[in-house]
Amino acid sequence: MRALGGRLGGAAAALALAALMASGCGPSAEESAERAEAAAAQAKAASERAQAKAALAKEEAADAQRRADHAVQLFEAATAEFNDAANRLDKYRREQEEQDDDQDQ
């Protein structure tokens, strides 16, 4: 993002130079330079806003990733509990069948 600000500043300087070179039939060189400086300031402000938005988006993405990781952990814990319950139920069923078989003999 900082490189973008540098490029925008360079573009503004190029605009100022072009304005100075073409000042023969237009506004004075001073007015053109002032306009170029204003454009450069606006570009810098836009670059800073873009950097702030990018930083916020990066923070939000990291937060979303943390929440997704937590959801995965919860799902894995729930899966483990379900499997444990299924194993206990299966063990109970086998024990009941063994008792039934013992009673039948």
PDB file of N, CA and C in Angstrom:
ATOM      1  N   MET A   1       0.826  -1.192   0.000  1.00  0.00           N
ATOM      2  CA  MET A   1       0.000   0.000   0.000  1.00  0.00           C
ATOM      3  C   MET A   1       0.874   1.260   0.000  1.00  0.00           C
ATOM      4  N   ARG A   2       2.007   1.212   0.688  1.00  0.00           N
ATOM      5  CA  ARG A   2       2.876   2.388   0.708  1.00  0.00           C
ATOM      6  C   ARG A   2       3.431   2.668  -0.681  1.00  0.00           C
ATOM      7  N   ALA A   3       3.701   1.608  -1.443  1.00  0.00           N
ATOM      8  CA  ALA A   3       4.198   1.789  -2.797  1.00  0.00           C
ATOM      9  C   ALA A   3       3.146   2.493  -3.644  1.00  0.00           C
ATOM     10  N   LEU A   4       1.888   2.185  -3.401  1.00  0.00           N
ATOM     11  CA  LEU A   4       0.804   2.845  -4.126  1.00  0.00           C
ATOM     12  C   LEU A   4       0.829   4.342  -3.843  1.00  0.00           C
ATOM     13  N   GLY A   5       1.027   4.723  -2.595  1.00  0.00           N
ATOM     14  CA  GLY A   5       1.096   6.132  -2.239  1.00  0.00           C
ATOM     15  C   GLY A   5       2.264   6.814  -2.929  1.00  0.00           C
ATOM     16  N   GLY A   6       3.402   6.118  -3.017  1.00  0.00           N
ATOM     17  CA  GLY A   6       4.566   6.671  -3.707  1.00  0.00           C
ATOM     18  C   GLY A   6       4.300   6.853  -5.180  1.00  0.00           C
ATOM     19  N   ARG A   7       3.623   5.878  -5.788  1.00  0.00           N
ATOM     20  CA  ARG A   7       3.297   5.996  -7.207  1.00  0.00           C
ATOM     21  C   ARG A   7       2.318   7.137  -7.451  1.00  0.00           C
ATOM     22  N   LEU A   8       1.356   7.274  -6.539  1.00  0.00           N
ATOM     23  CA  LEU A   8       0.388   8.360  -6.705  1.00  0.00           C
ATOM     24  C   LEU A   8       1.076   9.710  -6.546  1.00  0.00           C
ATOM     25  N   GLY A   9       2.005   9.796  -5.613  1.00  0.00           N
ATOM     26  CA  GLY A   9       2.759  11.033  -5.438  1.00  0.00           C
ATOM     27  C   GLY A   9       3.591  11.339  -6.668  1.00  0.00           C
ATOM     28  N   GLY A  10       4.199  10.288  -7.257  1.00  0.00           N
ATOM     29  CA  GLY A  10       4.979  10.467  -8.481  1.00  0.00           C
ATOM     30  C   GLY A  10       4.101  10.912  -9.636  1.00  0.00           C
ATOM     31  N   ALA A  11       2.920  10.356  -9.692  1.00  0.00           N
ATOM     32  CA  ALA A  11       1.982  10.749 -10.750  1.00  0.00           C
ATOM     33  C   ALA A  11       1.574  12.207 -10.574  1.00  0.00           C
ATOM     34  N   ALA A  12       1.376  12.603  -9.330  1.00  0.00           N
ATOM     35  CA  ALA A  12       1.011  13.999  -9.075  1.00  0.00           C
ATOM     36  C   ALA A  12       2.151  14.928  -9.464  1.00  0.00           C
ATOM     37  N   ALA A  13       3.381  14.514  -9.194  1.00  0.00           N
ATOM     38  CA  ALA A  13       4.531  15.338  -9.578  1.00  0.00           C
ATOM     39  C   ALA A  13       4.628  15.439 -11.096  1.00  0.00           C
ATOM     40  N   ALA A  14       4.357  14.337 -11.791  1.00  0.00           N
ATOM     41  CA  ALA A  14       4.372  14.365 -13.247  1.00  0.00           C
ATOM     42  C   ALA A  14       3.285  15.291 -13.782  1.00  0.00           C
ATOM     43  N   LEU A  15       2.120  15.257 -13.137  1.00  0.00           N
ATOM     44  CA  LEU A  15       1.053  16.172 -13.527  1.00  0.00           C
ATOM     45  C   LEU A  15       1.480  17.624 -13.308  1.00  0.00           C
ATOM     46  N   ALA A  16       2.144  17.867 -12.201  1.00  0.00           N
ATOM     47  CA  ALA A  16       2.597  19.234 -11.920  1.00  0.00           C
ATOM     48  C   ALA A  16       3.596  19.693 -12.979  1.00  0.00           C
ATOM     49  N   LEU A  17       4.519  18.805 -13.350  1.00  0.00           N
ATOM     50  CA  LEU A  17       5.505  19.144 -14.372  1.00  0.00           C
ATOM     51  C   LEU A  17       4.818  19.397 -15.704  1.00  0.00           C
ATOM     52  N   ALA A  18       3.866  18.554 -16.064  1.00  0.00           N
ATOM     53  CA  ALA A  18       3.137  18.750 -17.324  1.00  0.00           C
ATOM     54  C   ALA A  18       2.368  20.069 -17.283  1.00  0.00           C
ATOM     55  N   ALA A  19       1.809  20.372 -16.124  1.00  0.00           N
ATOM     56  CA  ALA A  19       1.075  21.629 -16.008  1.00  0.00           C
ATOM     57  C   ALA A  19       2.013  22.817 -16.144  1.00  0.00           C
ATOM     58  N   LEU A  20       3.194  22.714 -15.585  1.00  0.00           N
ATOM     59  CA  LEU A  20       4.166  23.811 -15.709  1.00  0.00           C
ATOM     60  C   LEU A  20       4.608  23.993 -17.156  1.00  0.00           C
ATOM     61  N   MET A  21       4.775  22.869 -17.850  1.00  0.00           N
ATOM     62  CA  MET A  21       5.227  22.958 -19.242  1.00  0.00           C
ATOM     63  C   MET A  21       4.135  23.535 -20.142  1.00  0.00           C
ATOM     64  N   ALA A  22       2.903  23.298 -19.810  1.00  0.00           N
ATOM     65  CA  ALA A  22       1.796  23.752 -20.656  1.00  0.00           C
ATOM     66  C   ALA A  22       1.235  25.074 -20.177  1.00  0.00           C
ATOM     67  N   SER A  23       1.894  25.711 -19.269  1.00  0.00           N
ATOM     68  CA  SER A  23       1.316  26.906 -18.664  1.00  0.00           C
ATOM     69  C   SER A  23       1.332  28.126 -19.574  1.00  0.00           C
ATOM     70  N   GLY A  24       1.915  28.022 -20.740  1.00  0.00           N
ATOM     71  CA  GLY A  24       1.982  29.172 -21.633  1.00  0.00           C
ATOM     72  C   GLY A  24       0.615  29.698 -22.030  1.00  0.00           C
ATOM     73  N   CYS A  25      -0.387  28.876 -22.213  1.00  0.00           N
ATOM     74  CA  CYS A  25      -1.681  29.366 -22.655  1.00  0.00           C
ATOM     75  C   CYS A  25      -2.787  29.016 -21.661  1.00  0.00           C
ATOM     76  N   GLY A  26      -2.432  28.693 -20.442  1.00  0.00           N
ATOM     77  CA  GLY A  26      -3.426  28.347 -19.443  1.00  0.00           C
ATOM     78  C   GLY A  26      -3.163  29.119 -18.159  1.00  0.00           C
ATOM     79  N   PRO A  27      -3.528  28.537 -17.040  1.00  0.00           N
ATOM     80  CA  PRO A  27      -3.303  29.203 -15.761  1.00  0.00           C
ATOM     81  C   PRO A  27      -1.810  29.353 -15.492  1.00  0.00           C
ATOM     82  N   SER A  28      -1.490  30.159 -14.544  1.00  0.00           N
ATOM     83  CA  SER A  28      -0.080  30.406 -14.232  1.00  0.00           C
ATOM     84  C   SER A  28       0.568  29.132 -13.704  1.00  0.00           C
ATOM     85  N   ALA A  29       1.884  29.117 -13.762  1.00  0.00           N
ATOM     86  CA  ALA A  29       2.631  27.949 -13.283  1.00  0.00           C
ATOM     87  C   ALA A  29       2.361  27.736 -11.798  1.00  0.00           C
ATOM     88  N   GLU A  30       2.218  28.808 -11.080  1.00  0.00           N
ATOM     89  CA  GLU A  30       1.958  28.689  -9.645  1.00  0.00           C
ATOM     90  C   GLU A  30       0.608  28.036  -9.388  1.00  0.00           C
ATOM     91  N   GLU A  31      -0.418  28.448 -10.141  1.00  0.00           N
ATOM     92  CA  GLU A  31      -1.737  27.852  -9.995  1.00  0.00           C
ATOM     93  C   GLU A  31      -1.710  26.370 -10.371  1.00  0.00           C
ATOM     94  N   SER A  32      -1.001  26.052 -11.445  1.00  0.00           N
ATOM     95  CA  SER A  32      -0.892  24.656 -11.863  1.00  0.00           C
ATOM     96  C   SER A  32      -0.183  23.830 -10.800  1.00  0.00           C
ATOM     97  N   ALA A  33       0.866  24.372 -10.222  1.00  0.00           N
ATOM     98  CA  ALA A  33       1.596  23.659  -9.171  1.00  0.00           C
ATOM     99  C   ALA A  33       0.709  23.457  -7.947  1.00  0.00           C
ATOM    100  N   GLU A  34      -0.072  24.472  -7.623  1.00  0.00           N
ATOM    101  CA  GLU A  34      -0.982  24.347  -6.478  1.00  0.00           C
ATOM    102  C   GLU A  34      -2.020  23.253  -6.722  1.00  0.00           C
ATOM    103  N   ARG A  35      -2.542  23.219  -7.951  1.00  0.00           N
ATOM    104  CA  ARG A  35      -3.508  22.176  -8.289  1.00  0.00           C
ATOM    105  C   ARG A  35      -2.872  20.796  -8.197  1.00  0.00           C
ATOM    106  N   ALA A  36      -1.654  20.690  -8.699  1.00  0.00           N
ATOM    107  CA  ALA A  36      -0.954  19.406  -8.654  1.00  0.00           C
ATOM    108  C   ALA A  36      -0.696  18.993  -7.206  1.00  0.00           C
ATOM    109  N   GLU A  37      -0.335  19.939  -6.363  1.00  0.00           N
ATOM    110  CA  GLU A  37      -0.107  19.635  -4.955  1.00  0.00           C
ATOM    111  C   GLU A  37      -1.410  19.181  -4.281  1.00  0.00           C
ATOM    112  N   ALA A  38      -2.511  19.848  -4.642  1.00  0.00           N
ATOM    113  CA  ALA A  38      -3.803  19.454  -4.082  1.00  0.00           C
ATOM    114  C   ALA A  38      -4.181  18.041  -4.539  1.00  0.00           C
ATOM    115  N   ALA A  39      -3.922  17.758  -5.810  1.00  0.00           N
ATOM    116  CA  ALA A  39      -4.206  16.417  -6.327  1.00  0.00           C
ATOM    117  C   ALA A  39      -3.333  15.382  -5.627  1.00  0.00           C
ATOM    118  N   ALA A  40      -2.077  15.710  -5.388  1.00  0.00           N
ATOM    119  CA  ALA A  40      -1.176  14.794  -4.686  1.00  0.00           C
ATOM    120  C   ALA A  40      -1.655  14.574  -3.256  1.00  0.00           C
ATOM    121  N   ALA A  41      -2.115  15.625  -2.604  1.00  0.00           N
ATOM    122  CA  ALA A  41      -2.622  15.485  -1.231  1.00  0.00           C
ATOM    123  C   ALA A  41      -3.872  14.605  -1.208  1.00  0.00           C
ATOM    124  N   GLN A  42      -4.736  14.798  -2.189  1.00  0.00           N
ATOM    125  CA  GLN A  42      -5.938  13.956  -2.272  1.00  0.00           C
ATOM    126  C   GLN A  42      -5.566  12.499  -2.531  1.00  0.00           C
ATOM    127  N   ALA A  43      -4.588  12.287  -3.397  1.00  0.00           N
ATOM    128  CA  ALA A  43      -4.145  10.922  -3.686  1.00  0.00           C
ATOM    129  C   ALA A  43      -3.534  10.286  -2.444  1.00  0.00           C
ATOM    130  N   LYS A  44      -2.766  11.058  -1.709  1.00  0.00           N
ATOM    131  CA  LYS A  44      -2.154  10.530  -0.481  1.00  0.00           C
ATOM    132  C   LYS A  44      -3.240  10.176   0.539  1.00  0.00           C
ATOM    133  N   ALA A  45      -4.238  11.047   0.679  1.00  0.00           N
ATOM    134  CA  ALA A  45      -5.329  10.782   1.620  1.00  0.00           C
ATOM    135  C   ALA A  45      -6.104   9.531   1.195  1.00  0.00           C
ATOM    136  N   ALA A  46      -6.344   9.394  -0.095  1.00  0.00           N
ATOM    137  CA  ALA A  46      -7.045   8.201  -0.597  1.00  0.00           C
ATOM    138  C   ALA A  46      -6.220   6.949  -0.336  1.00  0.00           C
ATOM    139  N   SER A  47      -4.916   7.062  -0.524  1.00  0.00           N
ATOM    140  CA  SER A  47      -4.029   5.929  -0.260  1.00  0.00           C
ATOM    141  C   SER A  47      -4.066   5.548   1.218  1.00  0.00           C
ATOM    142  N   GLU A  48      -4.051   6.537   2.089  1.00  0.00           N
ATOM    143  CA  GLU A  48      -4.107   6.261   3.534  1.00  0.00           C
ATOM    144  C   GLU A  48      -5.433   5.614   3.922  1.00  0.00           C
ATOM    145  N   ARG A  49      -6.521   6.085   3.317  1.00  0.00           N
ATOM    146  CA  ARG A  49      -7.828   5.458   3.590  1.00  0.00           C
ATOM    147  C   ARG A  49      -7.839   4.010   3.111  1.00  0.00           C
ATOM    148  N   ALA A  50      -7.274   3.778   1.940  1.00  0.00           N
ATOM    149  CA  ALA A  50      -7.218   2.414   1.402  1.00  0.00           C
ATOM    150  C   ALA A  50      -6.375   1.516   2.302  1.00  0.00           C
ATOM    151  N   GLN A  51      -5.272   2.056   2.818  1.00  0.00           N
ATOM    152  CA  GLN A  51      -4.428   1.278   3.728  1.00  0.00           C
ATOM    153  C   GLN A  51      -5.188   0.931   5.000  1.00  0.00           C
ATOM    154  N   ALA A  52      -5.936   1.886   5.529  1.00  0.00           N
ATOM    155  CA  ALA A  52      -6.714   1.635   6.745  1.00  0.00           C
ATOM    156  C   ALA A  52      -7.783   0.579   6.485  1.00  0.00           C
ATOM    157  N   LYS A  53      -8.451   0.675   5.341  1.00  0.00           N
ATOM    158  CA  LYS A  53      -9.472  -0.323   4.996  1.00  0.00           C
ATOM    159  C   LYS A  53      -8.839  -1.703   4.827  1.00  0.00           C
ATOM    160  N   ALA A  54      -7.677  -1.756   4.218  1.00  0.00           N
ATOM    161  CA  ALA A  54      -6.994  -3.038   4.028  1.00  0.00           C
ATOM    162  C   ALA A  54      -6.593  -3.638   5.371  1.00  0.00           C
ATOM    163  N   ALA A  55      -6.107  -2.803   6.278  1.00  0.00           N
ATOM    164  CA  ALA A  55      -5.730  -3.294   7.611  1.00  0.00           C
ATOM    165  C   ALA A  55      -6.953  -3.820   8.354  1.00  0.00           C
ATOM    166  N   LEU A  56      -8.055  -3.108   8.258  1.00  0.00           N
ATOM    167  CA  LEU A  56      -9.293  -3.560   8.906  1.00  0.00           C
ATOM    168  C   LEU A  56      -9.764  -4.878   8.297  1.00  0.00           C
ATOM    169  N   ALA A  57      -9.711  -4.979   6.983  1.00  0.00           N
ATOM    170  CA  ALA A  57     -10.121  -6.221   6.321  1.00  0.00           C
ATOM    171  C   ALA A  57      -9.224  -7.383   6.747  1.00  0.00           C
ATOM    172  N   LYS A  58      -7.936  -7.112   6.905  1.00  0.00           N
ATOM    173  CA  LYS A  58      -7.013  -8.158   7.344  1.00  0.00           C
ATOM    174  C   LYS A  58      -7.352  -8.613   8.759  1.00  0.00           C
ATOM    175  N   GLU A  59      -7.654  -7.662   9.650  1.00  0.00           N
ATOM    176  CA  GLU A  59      -8.050  -8.006  11.018  1.00  0.00           C
ATOM    177  C   GLU A  59      -9.346  -8.812  11.030  1.00  0.00           C
ATOM    178  N   GLU A  60     -10.311  -8.409  10.211  1.00  0.00           N
ATOM    179  CA  GLU A  60     -11.585  -9.127  10.144  1.00  0.00           C
ATOM    180  C   GLU A  60     -11.388 -10.544   9.599  1.00  0.00           C
ATOM    181  N   ALA A  61     -10.506 -10.688   8.629  1.00  0.00           N
ATOM    182  CA  ALA A  61     -10.228 -12.015   8.081  1.00  0.00           C
ATOM    183  C   ALA A  61      -9.570 -12.906   9.138  1.00  0.00           C
ATOM    184  N   ALA A  62      -8.650 -12.337   9.901  1.00  0.00           N
ATOM    185  CA  ALA A  62      -8.002 -13.114  10.962  1.00  0.00           C
ATOM    186  C   ALA A  62      -9.016 -13.519  12.026  1.00  0.00           C
ATOM    187  N   ASP A  63      -9.935 -12.623  12.353  1.00  0.00           N
ATOM    188  CA  ASP A  63     -10.977 -12.939  13.336  1.00  0.00           C
ATOM    189  C   ASP A  63     -11.889 -14.043  12.805  1.00  0.00           C
ATOM    190  N   ALA A  64     -12.250 -13.946  11.545  1.00  0.00           N
ATOM    191  CA  ALA A  64     -13.100 -14.982  10.942  1.00  0.00           C
ATOM    192  C   ALA A  64     -12.384 -16.328  10.939  1.00  0.00           C
ATOM    193  N   GLN A  65     -11.076 -16.310  10.686  1.00  0.00           N
ATOM    194  CA  GLN A  65     -10.308 -17.553  10.699  1.00  0.00           C
ATOM    195  C   GLN A  65     -10.282 -18.155  12.105  1.00  0.00           C
ATOM    196  N   ARG A  66     -10.113 -17.301  13.116  1.00  0.00           N
ATOM    197  CA  ARG A  66     -10.124 -17.797  14.503  1.00  0.00           C
ATOM    198  C   ARG A  66     -11.479 -18.428  14.834  1.00  0.00           C
ATOM    199  N   ARG A  67     -12.560 -17.766  14.414  1.00  0.00           N
ATOM    200  CA  ARG A  67     -13.891 -18.318  14.676  1.00  0.00           C
ATOM    201  C   ARG A  67     -14.101 -19.637  13.936  1.00  0.00           C
ATOM    202  N   ALA A  68     -13.613 -19.729  12.723  1.00  0.00           N
ATOM    203  CA  ALA A  68     -13.736 -20.974  11.962  1.00  0.00           C
ATOM    204  C   ALA A  68     -12.929 -22.086  12.637  1.00  0.00           C
ATOM    205  N   ASP A  69     -11.733 -21.770  13.093  1.00  0.00           N
ATOM    206  CA  ASP A  69     -10.923 -22.767  13.793  1.00  0.00           C
ATOM    207  C   ASP A  69     -11.633 -23.252  15.052  1.00  0.00           C
ATOM    208  N   HIS A  70     -12.235 -22.326  15.768  1.00  0.00           N
ATOM    209  CA  HIS A  70     -12.962 -22.691  16.986  1.00  0.00           C
ATOM    210  C   HIS A  70     -14.158 -23.587  16.645  1.00  0.00           C
ATOM    211  N   ALA A  71     -14.859 -23.268  15.581  1.00  0.00           N
ATOM    212  CA  ALA A  71     -16.001 -24.088  15.161  1.00  0.00           C
ATOM    213  C   ALA A  71     -15.541 -25.502  14.809  1.00  0.00           C
ATOM    214  N   VAL A  72     -14.400 -25.611  14.163  1.00  0.00           N
ATOM    215  CA  VAL A  72     -13.865 -26.934  13.830  1.00  0.00           C
ATOM    216  C   VAL A  72     -13.549 -27.703  15.111  1.00  0.00           C
ATOM    217  N   GLN A  73     -12.948 -27.021  16.086  1.00  0.00           N
ATOM    218  CA  GLN A  73     -12.642 -27.677  17.361  1.00  0.00           C
ATOM    219  C   GLN A  73     -13.921 -28.161  18.048  1.00  0.00           C
ATOM    220  N   LEU A  74     -14.945 -27.325  18.037  1.00  0.00           N
ATOM    221  CA  LEU A  74     -16.218 -27.730  18.640  1.00  0.00           C
ATOM    222  C   LEU A  74     -16.808 -28.937  17.917  1.00  0.00           C
ATOM    223  N   PHE A  75     -16.744 -28.912  16.596  1.00  0.00           N
ATOM    224  CA  PHE A  75     -17.271 -30.029  15.815  1.00  0.00           C
ATOM    225  C   PHE A  75     -16.500 -31.310  16.118  1.00  0.00           C
ATOM    226  N   GLU A  76     -15.174 -31.196  16.204  1.00  0.00           N
ATOM    227  CA  GLU A  76     -14.366 -32.379  16.507  1.00  0.00           C
ATOM    228  C   GLU A  76     -14.701 -32.923  17.897  1.00  0.00           C
ATOM    229  N   ALA A  77     -14.904 -32.033  18.871  1.00  0.00           N
ATOM    230  CA  ALA A  77     -15.268 -32.475  20.220  1.00  0.00           C
ATOM    231  C   ALA A  77     -16.633 -33.152  20.209  1.00  0.00           C
ATOM    232  N   ALA A  78     -17.585 -32.580  19.493  1.00  0.00           N
ATOM    233  CA  ALA A  78     -18.918 -33.176  19.410  1.00  0.00           C
ATOM    234  C   ALA A  78     -18.851 -34.538  18.725  1.00  0.00           C
ATOM    235  N   THR A  79     -18.043 -34.645  17.692  1.00  0.00           N
ATOM    236  CA  THR A  79     -17.876 -35.924  16.996  1.00  0.00           C
ATOM    237  C   THR A  79     -17.294 -36.971  17.935  1.00  0.00           C
ATOM    238  N   ALA A  80     -16.296 -36.575  18.718  1.00  0.00           N
ATOM    239  CA  ALA A  80     -15.688 -37.510  19.667  1.00  0.00           C
ATOM    240  C   ALA A  80     -16.713 -37.961  20.711  1.00  0.00           C
ATOM    241  N   GLU A  81     -17.520 -37.036  21.202  1.00  0.00           N
ATOM    242  CA  GLU A  81     -18.561 -37.404  22.176  1.00  0.00           C
ATOM    243  C   GLU A  81     -19.590 -38.346  21.550  1.00  0.00           C
ATOM    244  N   PHE A  82     -19.981 -38.055  20.327  1.00  0.00           N
ATOM    245  CA  PHE A  82     -20.947 -38.921  19.636  1.00  0.00           C
ATOM    246  C   PHE A  82     -20.373 -40.319  19.460  1.00  0.00           C
ATOM    247  N   ASN A  83     -19.125 -40.399  19.015  1.00  0.00           N
ATOM    248  CA  ASN A  83     -18.489 -41.706  18.821  1.00  0.00           C
ATOM    249  C   ASN A  83     -18.374 -42.464  20.138  1.00  0.00           C
ATOM    250  N   ASP A  84     -18.047 -41.744  21.211  1.00  0.00           N
ATOM    251  CA  ASP A  84     -17.952 -42.385  22.526  1.00  0.00           C
ATOM    252  C   ASP A  84     -19.315 -42.946  22.941  1.00  0.00           C
ATOM    253  N   ALA A  85     -20.356 -42.154  22.755  1.00  0.00           N
ATOM    254  CA  ALA A  85     -21.705 -42.614  23.105  1.00  0.00           C
ATOM    255  C   ALA A  85     -22.113 -43.808  22.244  1.00  0.00           C
ATOM    256  N   ALA A  86     -21.790 -43.769  20.969  1.00  0.00           N
ATOM    257  CA  ALA A  86     -22.124 -44.883  20.077  1.00  0.00           C
ATOM    258  C   ALA A  86     -21.374 -46.141  20.501  1.00  0.00           C
ATOM    259  N   ASN A  87     -20.125 -46.001  20.888  1.00  0.00           N
ATOM    260  CA  ASN A  87     -19.344 -47.156  21.342  1.00  0.00           C
ATOM    261  C   ASN A  87     -19.915 -47.736  22.635  1.00  0.00           C
ATOM    262  N   ARG A  88     -20.303 -46.852  23.559  1.00  0.00           N
ATOM    263  CA  ARG A  88     -20.896 -47.336  24.809  1.00  0.00           C
ATOM    264  C   ARG A  88     -22.227 -48.043  24.548  1.00  0.00           C
ATOM    265  N   LEU A  89     -23.027 -47.496  23.655  1.00  0.00           N
ATOM    266  CA  LEU A  89     -24.304 -48.116  23.308  1.00  0.00           C
ATOM    267  C   LEU A  89     -24.088 -49.474  22.654  1.00  0.00           C
ATOM    268  N   ASP A  90     -23.102 -49.542  21.766  1.00  0.00           N
ATOM    269  CA  ASP A  90     -22.789 -50.813  21.113  1.00  0.00           C
ATOM    270  C   ASP A  90     -22.310 -51.837  22.140  1.00  0.00           C
ATOM    271  N   LYS A  91     -21.465 -51.409  23.077  1.00  0.00           N
ATOM    272  CA  LYS A  91     -20.983 -52.312  24.125  1.00  0.00           C
ATOM    273  C   LYS A  91     -22.154 -52.803  24.983  1.00  0.00           C
ATOM    274  N   TYR A  92     -23.055 -51.890  25.326  1.00  0.00           N
ATOM    275  CA  TYR A  92     -24.229 -52.254  26.130  1.00  0.00           C
ATOM    276  C   TYR A  92     -25.092 -53.268  25.387  1.00  0.00           C
ATOM    277  N   ARG A  93     -25.293 -53.051  24.082  1.00  0.00           N
ATOM    278  CA  ARG A  93     -26.094 -53.971  23.263  1.00  0.00           C
ATOM    279  C   ARG A  93     -25.456 -55.354  23.231  1.00  0.00           C
ATOM    280  N   ARG A  94     -24.139 -55.414  23.051  1.00  0.00           N
ATOM    281  CA  ARG A  94     -23.445 -56.706  23.032  1.00  0.00           C
ATOM    282  C   ARG A  94     -23.571 -57.421  24.379  1.00  0.00           C
ATOM    283  N   GLU A  95     -23.430 -56.653  25.459  1.00  0.00           N
ATOM    284  CA  GLU A  95     -23.565 -57.255  26.792  1.00  0.00           C
ATOM    285  C   GLU A  95     -24.971 -57.813  26.999  1.00  0.00           C
ATOM    286  N   GLN A  96     -25.977 -57.070  26.530  1.00  0.00           N
ATOM    287  CA  GLN A  96     -27.357 -57.545  26.652  1.00  0.00           C
ATOM    288  C   GLN A  96     -27.566 -58.824  25.848  1.00  0.00           C
ATOM    289  N   GLU A  97     -26.996 -58.871  24.650  1.00  0.00           N
ATOM    290  CA  GLU A  97     -27.121 -60.075  23.821  1.00  0.00           C
ATOM    291  C   GLU A  97     -26.431 -61.259  24.492  1.00  0.00           C
ATOM    292  N   GLU A  98     -25.274 -61.019  25.098  1.00  0.00           N
ATOM    293  CA  GLU A  98     -24.571 -62.093  25.801  1.00  0.00           C
ATOM    294  C   GLU A  98     -25.393 -62.599  26.987  1.00  0.00           C
ATOM    295  N   GLN A  99     -26.024 -61.671  27.708  1.00  0.00           N
ATOM    296  CA  GLN A  99     -26.867 -62.071  28.839  1.00  0.00           C
ATOM    297  C   GLN A  99     -28.063 -62.880  28.338  1.00  0.00           C
ATOM    298  N   ASP A 100     -28.654 -62.439  27.237  1.00  0.00           N
ATOM    299  CA  ASP A 100     -29.790 -63.168  26.669  1.00  0.00           C
ATOM    300  C   ASP A 100     -29.368 -64.569  26.235  1.00  0.00           C
ATOM    301  N   ASP A 101     -28.178 -64.659  25.628  1.00  0.00           N
ATOM    302  CA  ASP A 101     -27.679 -65.970  25.196  1.00  0.00           C
ATOM    303  C   ASP A 101     -27.402 -66.867  26.402  1.00  0.00           C
ATOM    304  N   ASP A 102     -26.864 -66.293  27.467  1.00  0.00           N
ATOM    305  CA  ASP A 102     -26.580 -67.072  28.683  1.00  0.00           C
ATOM    306  C   ASP A 102     -27.882 -67.552  29.316  1.00  0.00           C
ATOM    307  N   GLN A 103     -28.919 -66.761  29.289  1.00  0.00           N
ATOM    308  CA  GLN A 103     -30.201 -67.134  29.882  1.00  0.00           C
ATOM    309  C   GLN A 103     -30.908 -68.208  29.049  1.00  0.00           C
ATOM    310  N   ASP A 104     -30.690 -68.166  27.746  1.00  0.00           N
ATOM    311  CA  ASP A 104     -31.322 -69.144  26.863  1.00  0.00           C
ATOM    312  C   ASP A 104     -30.679 -70.522  27.012  1.00  0.00           C
ATOM    313  N   GLN A 105     -29.479 -70.610  27.482  1.00  0.00           N
ATOM    314  CA  GLN A 105     -28.784 -71.912  27.572  1.00  0.00           C
ATOM    315  C   GLN A 105     -29.044 -72.613  28.839  1.00  0.00           C
TER     316      GLN A 105
END
